[in-house]
N, C-alpha and C. Protein backbone atom coordinates (compact mmCIF):
# COMPACT_ATOMS: atom_id res chain seq x y z
N UNK A 1 -3.22 -38.02 96.52
CA UNK A 1 -3.85 -37.64 95.27
C UNK A 1 -4.04 -38.85 94.36
N UNK A 2 -3.02 -39.73 94.38
CA UNK A 2 -3.08 -40.90 93.52
C UNK A 2 -4.21 -41.85 93.94
N UNK A 3 -4.43 -42.00 95.25
CA UNK A 3 -5.49 -42.91 95.70
C UNK A 3 -6.87 -42.37 95.34
N UNK A 4 -7.04 -41.05 95.31
CA UNK A 4 -8.32 -40.47 94.90
C UNK A 4 -8.58 -40.78 93.44
N UNK A 5 -7.56 -40.73 92.62
CA UNK A 5 -7.69 -41.07 91.20
C UNK A 5 -8.15 -42.51 91.03
N UNK A 6 -7.52 -43.43 91.77
CA UNK A 6 -7.88 -44.85 91.66
C UNK A 6 -9.28 -45.10 92.19
N UNK A 7 -9.65 -44.42 93.28
CA UNK A 7 -10.99 -44.59 93.82
C UNK A 7 -12.05 -44.08 92.87
N UNK A 8 -11.78 -42.94 92.25
CA UNK A 8 -12.76 -42.35 91.33
C UNK A 8 -13.00 -43.25 90.13
N UNK A 9 -11.94 -43.66 89.46
CA UNK A 9 -12.11 -44.48 88.27
C UNK A 9 -12.45 -45.92 88.60
N UNK A 10 -12.03 -46.38 89.76
CA UNK A 10 -12.47 -47.69 90.22
C UNK A 10 -13.97 -47.71 90.47
N UNK A 11 -14.47 -46.63 91.06
CA UNK A 11 -15.91 -46.51 91.28
C UNK A 11 -16.66 -46.53 89.96
N UNK A 12 -16.17 -45.78 88.98
CA UNK A 12 -16.85 -45.75 87.68
C UNK A 12 -16.83 -47.13 87.01
N UNK A 13 -15.73 -47.84 87.10
CA UNK A 13 -15.64 -49.16 86.49
C UNK A 13 -16.60 -50.14 87.15
N UNK A 14 -16.62 -50.15 88.48
CA UNK A 14 -17.50 -51.08 89.19
C UNK A 14 -18.96 -50.69 89.00
N UNK A 15 -19.25 -49.40 88.98
CA UNK A 15 -20.64 -48.96 88.75
C UNK A 15 -21.10 -49.37 87.36
N UNK A 16 -20.23 -49.28 86.37
CA UNK A 16 -20.59 -49.72 85.02
C UNK A 16 -20.86 -51.22 84.98
N UNK A 17 -20.05 -52.00 85.69
CA UNK A 17 -20.28 -53.44 85.76
C UNK A 17 -21.62 -53.73 86.42
N UNK A 18 -21.94 -52.99 87.49
CA UNK A 18 -23.22 -53.19 88.18
C UNK A 18 -24.40 -52.87 87.26
N UNK A 19 -24.30 -51.79 86.50
CA UNK A 19 -25.39 -51.42 85.60
C UNK A 19 -25.55 -52.44 84.48
N UNK A 20 -24.44 -52.86 83.89
CA UNK A 20 -24.50 -53.85 82.80
C UNK A 20 -25.07 -55.17 83.31
N UNK A 21 -24.60 -55.63 84.45
CA UNK A 21 -25.10 -56.90 85.00
C UNK A 21 -26.58 -56.81 85.35
N UNK A 22 -27.01 -55.66 85.87
CA UNK A 22 -28.43 -55.49 86.20
C UNK A 22 -29.28 -55.48 84.94
N UNK A 23 -28.81 -54.85 83.88
CA UNK A 23 -29.55 -54.88 82.62
C UNK A 23 -29.63 -56.30 82.07
N UNK A 24 -28.56 -57.07 82.22
CA UNK A 24 -28.58 -58.45 81.76
C UNK A 24 -29.53 -59.31 82.59
N UNK A 25 -29.72 -58.97 83.86
CA UNK A 25 -30.71 -59.67 84.68
C UNK A 25 -32.10 -59.49 84.09
N UNK A 26 -32.37 -58.29 83.64
CA UNK A 26 -33.70 -57.97 83.13
C UNK A 26 -33.99 -58.66 81.80
N UNK A 27 -33.00 -58.76 80.93
CA UNK A 27 -33.26 -59.29 79.58
C UNK A 27 -33.12 -60.80 79.48
N UNK A 28 -32.64 -61.47 80.53
CA UNK A 28 -32.47 -62.93 80.47
C UNK A 28 -33.82 -63.63 80.52
N UNK A 29 -33.99 -64.63 79.67
CA UNK A 29 -35.22 -65.42 79.72
C UNK A 29 -35.06 -66.63 80.64
N UNK A 30 -33.84 -67.08 80.86
CA UNK A 30 -33.58 -68.22 81.73
C UNK A 30 -33.39 -67.70 83.16
N UNK A 31 -34.18 -68.18 84.11
CA UNK A 31 -34.08 -67.66 85.47
C UNK A 31 -32.74 -67.94 86.16
N UNK A 32 -32.10 -69.04 85.83
CA UNK A 32 -30.81 -69.36 86.45
C UNK A 32 -29.74 -68.37 85.98
N UNK A 33 -29.74 -68.06 84.69
CA UNK A 33 -28.77 -67.08 84.18
C UNK A 33 -29.05 -65.70 84.76
N UNK A 34 -30.32 -65.37 84.91
CA UNK A 34 -30.66 -64.07 85.51
C UNK A 34 -30.13 -63.99 86.94
N UNK A 35 -30.22 -65.10 87.67
CA UNK A 35 -29.69 -65.12 89.03
C UNK A 35 -28.18 -64.96 89.05
N UNK A 36 -27.49 -65.56 88.09
CA UNK A 36 -26.04 -65.41 88.03
C UNK A 36 -25.65 -63.95 87.78
N UNK A 37 -26.36 -63.29 86.88
CA UNK A 37 -26.08 -61.87 86.65
C UNK A 37 -26.46 -61.03 87.87
N UNK A 38 -27.51 -61.43 88.58
CA UNK A 38 -27.88 -60.70 89.79
C UNK A 38 -26.79 -60.82 90.85
N UNK A 39 -26.17 -61.99 90.94
CA UNK A 39 -25.06 -62.15 91.88
C UNK A 39 -23.91 -61.22 91.50
N UNK A 40 -23.59 -61.14 90.21
CA UNK A 40 -22.52 -60.23 89.76
C UNK A 40 -22.89 -58.79 90.11
N UNK A 41 -24.14 -58.43 89.89
CA UNK A 41 -24.58 -57.07 90.20
C UNK A 41 -24.48 -56.76 91.69
N UNK A 42 -24.90 -57.68 92.53
CA UNK A 42 -24.83 -57.45 93.97
C UNK A 42 -23.39 -57.41 94.47
N UNK A 43 -22.52 -58.22 93.88
CA UNK A 43 -21.11 -58.15 94.25
C UNK A 43 -20.50 -56.82 93.82
N UNK A 44 -20.92 -56.30 92.68
CA UNK A 44 -20.44 -54.99 92.24
C UNK A 44 -20.90 -53.90 93.19
N UNK A 45 -22.13 -53.99 93.66
CA UNK A 45 -22.63 -53.01 94.63
C UNK A 45 -21.83 -53.10 95.92
N UNK A 46 -21.45 -54.31 96.31
CA UNK A 46 -20.63 -54.47 97.52
C UNK A 46 -19.27 -53.79 97.33
N UNK A 47 -18.68 -53.91 96.15
CA UNK A 47 -17.41 -53.25 95.89
C UNK A 47 -17.59 -51.73 95.91
N UNK A 48 -18.72 -51.24 95.40
CA UNK A 48 -19.00 -49.79 95.46
C UNK A 48 -19.08 -49.34 96.91
N UNK A 49 -19.77 -50.10 97.75
CA UNK A 49 -19.81 -49.75 99.17
C UNK A 49 -18.42 -49.70 99.77
N UNK A 50 -17.59 -50.67 99.41
CA UNK A 50 -16.22 -50.70 99.95
C UNK A 50 -15.43 -49.49 99.48
N UNK A 51 -15.57 -49.16 98.20
CA UNK A 51 -14.85 -48.01 97.67
C UNK A 51 -15.32 -46.70 98.29
N UNK A 52 -16.56 -46.64 98.70
CA UNK A 52 -17.09 -45.42 99.33
C UNK A 52 -16.75 -45.34 100.81
N UNK A 53 -16.01 -46.32 101.32
CA UNK A 53 -15.57 -46.27 102.71
C UNK A 53 -16.51 -46.94 103.68
N UNK A 54 -17.32 -47.87 103.21
CA UNK A 54 -18.24 -48.59 104.08
C UNK A 54 -17.98 -50.09 103.96
N UNK A 55 -16.88 -50.58 104.54
CA UNK A 55 -16.56 -52.00 104.39
C UNK A 55 -17.57 -52.91 105.08
N UNK A 56 -18.15 -52.46 106.17
CA UNK A 56 -19.14 -53.30 106.85
C UNK A 56 -20.41 -53.45 106.01
N UNK A 57 -20.84 -52.36 105.38
CA UNK A 57 -22.00 -52.43 104.49
C UNK A 57 -21.70 -53.34 103.30
N UNK A 58 -20.46 -53.32 102.82
CA UNK A 58 -20.08 -54.21 101.72
C UNK A 58 -20.15 -55.67 102.16
N UNK A 59 -19.67 -55.94 103.36
CA UNK A 59 -19.74 -57.32 103.88
C UNK A 59 -21.18 -57.76 104.07
N UNK A 60 -22.03 -56.88 104.59
CA UNK A 60 -23.45 -57.22 104.74
C UNK A 60 -24.10 -57.47 103.38
N UNK A 61 -23.73 -56.70 102.39
CA UNK A 61 -24.28 -56.88 101.04
C UNK A 61 -23.95 -58.27 100.51
N UNK A 62 -22.71 -58.69 100.70
CA UNK A 62 -22.30 -60.01 100.22
C UNK A 62 -22.98 -61.12 101.01
N UNK A 63 -22.99 -60.99 102.33
CA UNK A 63 -23.51 -62.06 103.18
C UNK A 63 -25.03 -62.17 103.05
N UNK A 64 -25.72 -61.05 103.13
CA UNK A 64 -27.19 -61.10 103.16
C UNK A 64 -27.77 -61.27 101.76
N UNK A 65 -27.40 -60.39 100.83
CA UNK A 65 -28.04 -60.42 99.52
C UNK A 65 -27.42 -61.49 98.61
N UNK A 66 -26.13 -61.39 98.37
CA UNK A 66 -25.50 -62.34 97.45
C UNK A 66 -25.47 -63.75 98.05
N UNK A 67 -25.51 -63.85 99.36
CA UNK A 67 -25.51 -65.16 100.00
C UNK A 67 -26.90 -65.68 100.26
N UNK A 68 -27.55 -65.15 101.27
CA UNK A 68 -28.80 -65.72 101.77
C UNK A 68 -29.98 -65.55 100.82
N UNK A 69 -30.21 -64.35 100.33
CA UNK A 69 -31.40 -64.11 99.52
C UNK A 69 -31.31 -64.85 98.19
N UNK A 70 -30.15 -64.84 97.55
CA UNK A 70 -30.05 -65.53 96.27
C UNK A 70 -30.08 -67.04 96.41
N UNK A 71 -29.62 -67.56 97.53
CA UNK A 71 -29.79 -68.99 97.78
C UNK A 71 -31.28 -69.32 97.89
N UNK A 72 -32.03 -68.45 98.54
CA UNK A 72 -33.48 -68.62 98.61
C UNK A 72 -34.09 -68.60 97.22
N UNK A 73 -33.64 -67.70 96.36
CA UNK A 73 -34.14 -67.66 94.98
C UNK A 73 -33.82 -68.95 94.23
N UNK A 74 -32.62 -69.47 94.43
CA UNK A 74 -32.25 -70.72 93.77
C UNK A 74 -33.16 -71.86 94.22
N UNK A 75 -33.46 -71.91 95.52
CA UNK A 75 -34.37 -72.94 96.02
C UNK A 75 -35.76 -72.80 95.42
N UNK A 76 -36.23 -71.59 95.26
CA UNK A 76 -37.55 -71.37 94.67
C UNK A 76 -37.56 -71.86 93.22
N UNK A 77 -36.53 -71.54 92.48
CA UNK A 77 -36.46 -71.99 91.09
C UNK A 77 -36.40 -73.51 91.03
N UNK A 78 -35.65 -74.12 91.94
CA UNK A 78 -35.57 -75.58 91.96
C UNK A 78 -36.91 -76.20 92.33
N UNK A 79 -37.62 -75.59 93.26
CA UNK A 79 -38.90 -76.16 93.69
C UNK A 79 -39.97 -76.00 92.61
N UNK A 80 -39.90 -74.94 91.81
CA UNK A 80 -40.89 -74.77 90.75
C UNK A 80 -40.69 -75.76 89.62
N UNK A 81 -39.49 -76.31 89.51
CA UNK A 81 -39.19 -77.39 88.57
C UNK A 81 -39.72 -77.09 87.17
N UNK A 82 -39.02 -76.25 86.45
CA UNK A 82 -39.49 -75.80 85.15
C UNK A 82 -39.48 -76.89 84.08
N UNK A 83 -38.84 -78.01 84.31
CA UNK A 83 -38.96 -79.15 83.42
C UNK A 83 -37.75 -79.39 82.54
N UNK A 84 -37.87 -80.45 81.72
CA UNK A 84 -36.76 -80.88 80.87
C UNK A 84 -36.49 -79.91 79.74
N UNK A 85 -37.51 -79.18 79.29
CA UNK A 85 -37.30 -78.21 78.22
C UNK A 85 -36.34 -77.11 78.66
N UNK A 86 -36.46 -76.67 79.88
CA UNK A 86 -35.57 -75.63 80.39
C UNK A 86 -34.14 -76.14 80.53
N UNK A 87 -34.00 -77.40 80.92
CA UNK A 87 -32.66 -77.99 81.04
C UNK A 87 -32.01 -78.09 79.67
N UNK A 88 -32.77 -78.52 78.66
CA UNK A 88 -32.23 -78.61 77.30
C UNK A 88 -31.85 -77.23 76.78
N UNK A 89 -32.69 -76.23 77.04
CA UNK A 89 -32.38 -74.86 76.60
C UNK A 89 -31.14 -74.33 77.31
N UNK A 90 -30.98 -74.66 78.58
CA UNK A 90 -29.81 -74.20 79.32
C UNK A 90 -28.54 -74.88 78.81
N UNK A 91 -28.60 -76.16 78.51
CA UNK A 91 -27.43 -76.85 77.96
C UNK A 91 -27.03 -76.25 76.61
N UNK A 92 -28.03 -75.91 75.81
CA UNK A 92 -27.73 -75.28 74.52
C UNK A 92 -27.06 -73.93 74.72
N UNK A 93 -27.54 -73.14 75.68
CA UNK A 93 -26.93 -71.84 75.94
C UNK A 93 -25.52 -71.97 76.50
N UNK A 94 -25.28 -73.00 77.32
CA UNK A 94 -23.93 -73.20 77.84
C UNK A 94 -22.97 -73.55 76.72
N UNK A 95 -23.43 -74.34 75.77
CA UNK A 95 -22.57 -74.66 74.63
C UNK A 95 -22.38 -73.44 73.74
N UNK A 96 -23.37 -72.54 73.73
CA UNK A 96 -23.29 -71.34 72.90
C UNK A 96 -22.43 -70.25 73.54
N UNK A 97 -21.99 -70.46 74.76
CA UNK A 97 -21.10 -69.48 75.40
C UNK A 97 -21.82 -68.45 76.24
N UNK A 98 -22.98 -68.78 76.79
CA UNK A 98 -23.71 -67.83 77.62
C UNK A 98 -23.01 -67.56 78.94
N UNK A 99 -22.05 -68.37 79.30
CA UNK A 99 -21.32 -68.19 80.55
C UNK A 99 -20.21 -67.16 80.42
N UNK A 100 -19.91 -66.72 79.21
CA UNK A 100 -18.79 -65.79 79.00
C UNK A 100 -19.06 -64.44 79.65
N UNK A 101 -20.27 -63.94 79.51
CA UNK A 101 -20.61 -62.63 80.08
C UNK A 101 -20.42 -62.56 81.59
N UNK A 102 -21.05 -63.47 82.35
CA UNK A 102 -20.83 -63.43 83.81
C UNK A 102 -19.38 -63.67 84.19
N UNK A 103 -18.67 -64.50 83.44
CA UNK A 103 -17.27 -64.78 83.74
C UNK A 103 -16.41 -63.52 83.56
N UNK A 104 -16.63 -62.78 82.48
CA UNK A 104 -15.85 -61.57 82.23
C UNK A 104 -16.14 -60.51 83.29
N UNK A 105 -17.42 -60.31 83.62
CA UNK A 105 -17.78 -59.31 84.64
C UNK A 105 -17.24 -59.70 86.01
N UNK A 106 -17.30 -60.97 86.35
CA UNK A 106 -16.77 -61.42 87.64
C UNK A 106 -15.25 -61.26 87.68
N UNK A 107 -14.58 -61.57 86.60
CA UNK A 107 -13.12 -61.40 86.56
C UNK A 107 -12.74 -59.93 86.69
N UNK A 108 -13.51 -59.05 86.06
CA UNK A 108 -13.23 -57.62 86.17
C UNK A 108 -13.43 -57.14 87.61
N UNK A 109 -14.49 -57.61 88.26
CA UNK A 109 -14.72 -57.24 89.66
C UNK A 109 -13.62 -57.77 90.56
N UNK A 110 -13.20 -58.99 90.34
CA UNK A 110 -12.14 -59.56 91.16
C UNK A 110 -10.83 -58.81 90.96
N UNK A 111 -10.51 -58.48 89.72
CA UNK A 111 -9.29 -57.72 89.45
C UNK A 111 -9.35 -56.35 90.10
N UNK A 112 -10.49 -55.71 90.03
CA UNK A 112 -10.65 -54.39 90.67
C UNK A 112 -10.48 -54.49 92.18
N UNK A 113 -11.09 -55.47 92.78
CA UNK A 113 -11.00 -55.63 94.23
C UNK A 113 -9.57 -55.92 94.66
N UNK A 114 -8.88 -56.80 93.94
CA UNK A 114 -7.49 -57.12 94.28
C UNK A 114 -6.61 -55.88 94.11
N UNK A 115 -6.84 -55.13 93.05
CA UNK A 115 -6.05 -53.93 92.81
C UNK A 115 -6.24 -52.91 93.93
N UNK A 116 -7.49 -52.69 94.33
CA UNK A 116 -7.76 -51.72 95.39
C UNK A 116 -7.14 -52.19 96.71
N UNK A 117 -7.23 -53.48 96.99
CA UNK A 117 -6.65 -53.99 98.23
C UNK A 117 -5.13 -53.89 98.23
N UNK A 118 -4.51 -54.10 97.07
CA UNK A 118 -3.05 -54.03 96.99
C UNK A 118 -2.57 -52.58 97.08
N UNK A 119 -3.23 -51.69 96.35
CA UNK A 119 -2.80 -50.29 96.33
C UNK A 119 -3.01 -49.63 97.69
N UNK A 120 -4.16 -49.85 98.30
CA UNK A 120 -4.47 -49.18 99.56
C UNK A 120 -4.11 -50.03 100.77
N UNK A 121 -3.56 -51.21 100.54
CA UNK A 121 -3.19 -52.13 101.61
C UNK A 121 -4.36 -52.44 102.54
N UNK A 122 -5.54 -52.54 101.98
CA UNK A 122 -6.72 -52.93 102.75
C UNK A 122 -7.38 -51.81 103.52
N UNK A 123 -6.82 -50.60 103.49
CA UNK A 123 -7.41 -49.49 104.23
C UNK A 123 -7.65 -48.34 103.27
N UNK A 124 -8.86 -47.87 103.24
CA UNK A 124 -9.19 -46.71 102.42
C UNK A 124 -9.09 -45.45 103.26
N UNK A 125 -8.68 -44.35 102.64
CA UNK A 125 -8.61 -43.11 103.40
C UNK A 125 -9.99 -42.67 103.87
N UNK A 126 -10.08 -42.34 105.14
CA UNK A 126 -11.35 -41.87 105.70
C UNK A 126 -12.32 -42.96 106.08
N UNK A 127 -11.95 -44.23 105.96
CA UNK A 127 -12.88 -45.30 106.32
C UNK A 127 -12.81 -45.54 107.82
N UNK A 128 -13.96 -45.70 108.42
CA UNK A 128 -14.04 -45.95 109.85
C UNK A 128 -14.60 -47.34 110.09
N UNK A 129 -14.06 -48.00 111.09
CA UNK A 129 -14.53 -49.34 111.42
C UNK A 129 -15.82 -49.25 112.22
N UNK A 130 -16.76 -50.13 111.88
CA UNK A 130 -18.02 -50.21 112.61
C UNK A 130 -18.04 -51.56 113.30
N UNK A 131 -18.28 -51.55 114.57
CA UNK A 131 -18.32 -52.80 115.31
C UNK A 131 -19.64 -53.52 115.05
N UNK A 132 -19.56 -54.85 114.96
CA UNK A 132 -20.78 -55.62 114.72
C UNK A 132 -21.72 -55.54 115.92
N UNK A 133 -21.19 -55.31 117.11
CA UNK A 133 -22.05 -55.18 118.29
C UNK A 133 -22.96 -53.96 118.15
N UNK A 134 -22.44 -52.88 117.59
CA UNK A 134 -23.24 -51.68 117.38
C UNK A 134 -24.39 -51.96 116.42
N UNK A 135 -24.11 -52.70 115.35
CA UNK A 135 -25.16 -53.05 114.39
C UNK A 135 -26.20 -53.95 115.05
N UNK A 136 -25.74 -54.93 115.83
CA UNK A 136 -26.68 -55.84 116.52
C UNK A 136 -27.58 -55.10 117.50
N UNK A 137 -27.01 -54.17 118.25
CA UNK A 137 -27.81 -53.39 119.20
C UNK A 137 -28.83 -52.54 118.46
N UNK A 138 -28.44 -51.98 117.30
CA UNK A 138 -29.39 -51.17 116.52
C UNK A 138 -30.50 -52.04 115.93
N UNK A 139 -30.13 -53.22 115.39
CA UNK A 139 -31.15 -54.08 114.78
C UNK A 139 -32.14 -54.63 115.79
N UNK A 140 -31.65 -54.95 116.99
CA UNK A 140 -32.54 -55.53 117.99
C UNK A 140 -32.95 -54.51 119.04
N UNK A 141 -32.72 -53.26 118.76
CA UNK A 141 -33.16 -52.17 119.63
C UNK A 141 -34.30 -51.42 118.96
N UNK A 142 -33.99 -50.25 118.41
CA UNK A 142 -35.06 -49.44 117.81
C UNK A 142 -35.62 -50.02 116.50
N UNK A 143 -34.87 -50.90 115.84
CA UNK A 143 -35.34 -51.44 114.57
C UNK A 143 -35.85 -52.87 114.68
N UNK A 144 -36.21 -53.30 115.87
CA UNK A 144 -36.66 -54.67 116.08
C UNK A 144 -37.92 -54.99 115.27
N UNK A 145 -38.86 -54.07 115.23
CA UNK A 145 -40.10 -54.31 114.49
C UNK A 145 -39.81 -54.51 113.00
N UNK A 146 -38.91 -53.71 112.43
CA UNK A 146 -38.56 -53.86 111.02
C UNK A 146 -37.89 -55.19 110.73
N UNK A 147 -37.02 -55.63 111.62
CA UNK A 147 -36.34 -56.92 111.44
C UNK A 147 -37.36 -58.06 111.50
N UNK A 148 -38.28 -58.00 112.44
CA UNK A 148 -39.30 -59.05 112.56
C UNK A 148 -40.24 -59.05 111.35
N UNK A 149 -40.62 -57.88 110.87
CA UNK A 149 -41.47 -57.82 109.68
C UNK A 149 -40.76 -58.37 108.45
N UNK A 150 -39.47 -58.09 108.31
CA UNK A 150 -38.71 -58.63 107.18
C UNK A 150 -38.62 -60.15 107.27
N UNK A 151 -38.43 -60.68 108.48
CA UNK A 151 -38.37 -62.14 108.62
C UNK A 151 -39.71 -62.78 108.29
N UNK A 152 -40.81 -62.15 108.68
CA UNK A 152 -42.14 -62.68 108.34
C UNK A 152 -42.37 -62.64 106.83
N UNK A 153 -41.91 -61.58 106.18
CA UNK A 153 -42.06 -61.47 104.73
C UNK A 153 -41.28 -62.56 104.02
N UNK A 154 -40.04 -62.81 104.46
CA UNK A 154 -39.25 -63.88 103.85
C UNK A 154 -39.87 -65.25 104.10
N UNK A 155 -40.40 -65.47 105.29
CA UNK A 155 -41.05 -66.74 105.59
C UNK A 155 -42.29 -66.94 104.74
N UNK A 156 -43.09 -65.90 104.55
CA UNK A 156 -44.29 -66.05 103.71
C UNK A 156 -43.91 -66.31 102.26
N UNK A 157 -42.83 -65.71 101.78
CA UNK A 157 -42.36 -66.00 100.42
C UNK A 157 -41.92 -67.44 100.27
N UNK A 158 -41.25 -67.97 101.28
CA UNK A 158 -40.79 -69.36 101.23
C UNK A 158 -41.98 -70.32 101.26
N UNK A 159 -42.97 -70.05 102.09
CA UNK A 159 -44.17 -70.90 102.15
C UNK A 159 -44.93 -70.84 100.83
N UNK A 160 -45.04 -69.65 100.24
CA UNK A 160 -45.72 -69.51 98.96
C UNK A 160 -45.00 -70.27 97.85
N UNK A 161 -43.68 -70.21 97.83
CA UNK A 161 -42.91 -70.94 96.82
C UNK A 161 -43.06 -72.44 97.00
N UNK A 162 -43.10 -72.90 98.24
CA UNK A 162 -43.29 -74.33 98.51
C UNK A 162 -44.67 -74.77 98.02
N UNK A 163 -45.67 -73.94 98.25
CA UNK A 163 -47.02 -74.27 97.81
C UNK A 163 -47.11 -74.29 96.28
N UNK A 164 -46.46 -73.34 95.63
CA UNK A 164 -46.49 -73.32 94.17
C UNK A 164 -45.76 -74.50 93.56
N UNK A 165 -44.76 -75.01 94.25
CA UNK A 165 -43.97 -76.12 93.73
C UNK A 165 -44.64 -77.47 93.83
N UNK A 166 -45.70 -77.55 94.60
CA UNK A 166 -46.38 -78.84 94.77
C UNK A 166 -47.42 -79.03 93.67
N UNK A 167 -47.66 -80.28 93.36
CA UNK A 167 -48.70 -80.64 92.40
C UNK A 167 -49.75 -81.45 93.15
N UNK A 168 -51.01 -81.04 93.03
CA UNK A 168 -52.09 -81.67 93.77
C UNK A 168 -53.04 -82.38 92.81
N UNK A 169 -53.61 -83.49 93.26
CA UNK A 169 -54.61 -84.18 92.45
C UNK A 169 -56.01 -83.70 92.86
N UNK A 170 -57.04 -84.32 92.28
CA UNK A 170 -58.41 -83.88 92.55
C UNK A 170 -58.82 -84.11 94.00
N UNK A 171 -58.25 -85.09 94.70
CA UNK A 171 -58.60 -85.37 96.10
C UNK A 171 -57.81 -84.52 97.08
N UNK A 172 -56.95 -83.66 96.59
CA UNK A 172 -56.19 -82.80 97.47
C UNK A 172 -54.92 -83.43 98.01
N UNK A 173 -54.47 -84.52 97.38
CA UNK A 173 -53.25 -85.18 97.81
C UNK A 173 -52.11 -84.82 96.88
N UNK A 174 -50.91 -84.79 97.43
CA UNK A 174 -49.74 -84.45 96.64
C UNK A 174 -49.41 -85.59 95.69
N UNK A 175 -49.13 -85.25 94.44
CA UNK A 175 -48.76 -86.24 93.44
C UNK A 175 -47.27 -86.13 93.16
N UNK A 176 -46.80 -87.00 92.29
CA UNK A 176 -45.38 -86.96 91.90
C UNK A 176 -45.09 -85.69 91.12
N UNK A 177 -43.83 -85.24 91.22
CA UNK A 177 -43.41 -84.06 90.48
C UNK A 177 -43.42 -84.37 89.00
N UNK A 178 -43.79 -83.38 88.21
CA UNK A 178 -43.85 -83.56 86.75
C UNK A 178 -42.51 -83.31 86.15
């Protein structure tokens, strides 16, 4: 009975963190800060998956979304090179304490995760282990077309970002970055 209580209120706490972080992603004008809040939001969703008894889905959420996709977003922002004005604005925000929000939300998520792991000793009631071989067979079996289409979509996004990041002169040659 006690573990159900902790799971219920733990779910509500992490869901609130996810909603708040997602709202902060939307209202941020600085793309780097928006990405930091998006990372907090995706980590909160991973904790929700874990609390719902899907530890493998939580691990995939962290590895694929919070890891790979957001690194791709960071590269796109770096390649677009927003300029010295954005750097000055970011330094001003860092001095103004803009890092406090993501730090508090991340600390709350970490405390929640440690608490759940300590109380339940790493095992949630009713959670079943999913083998990675089963996921691999499913992804490269009946869902092969979807996986290939997703990879093509990510590749086209990367090529588009690379093209947008380049500066061309009138003769069609690449010039120095501005």
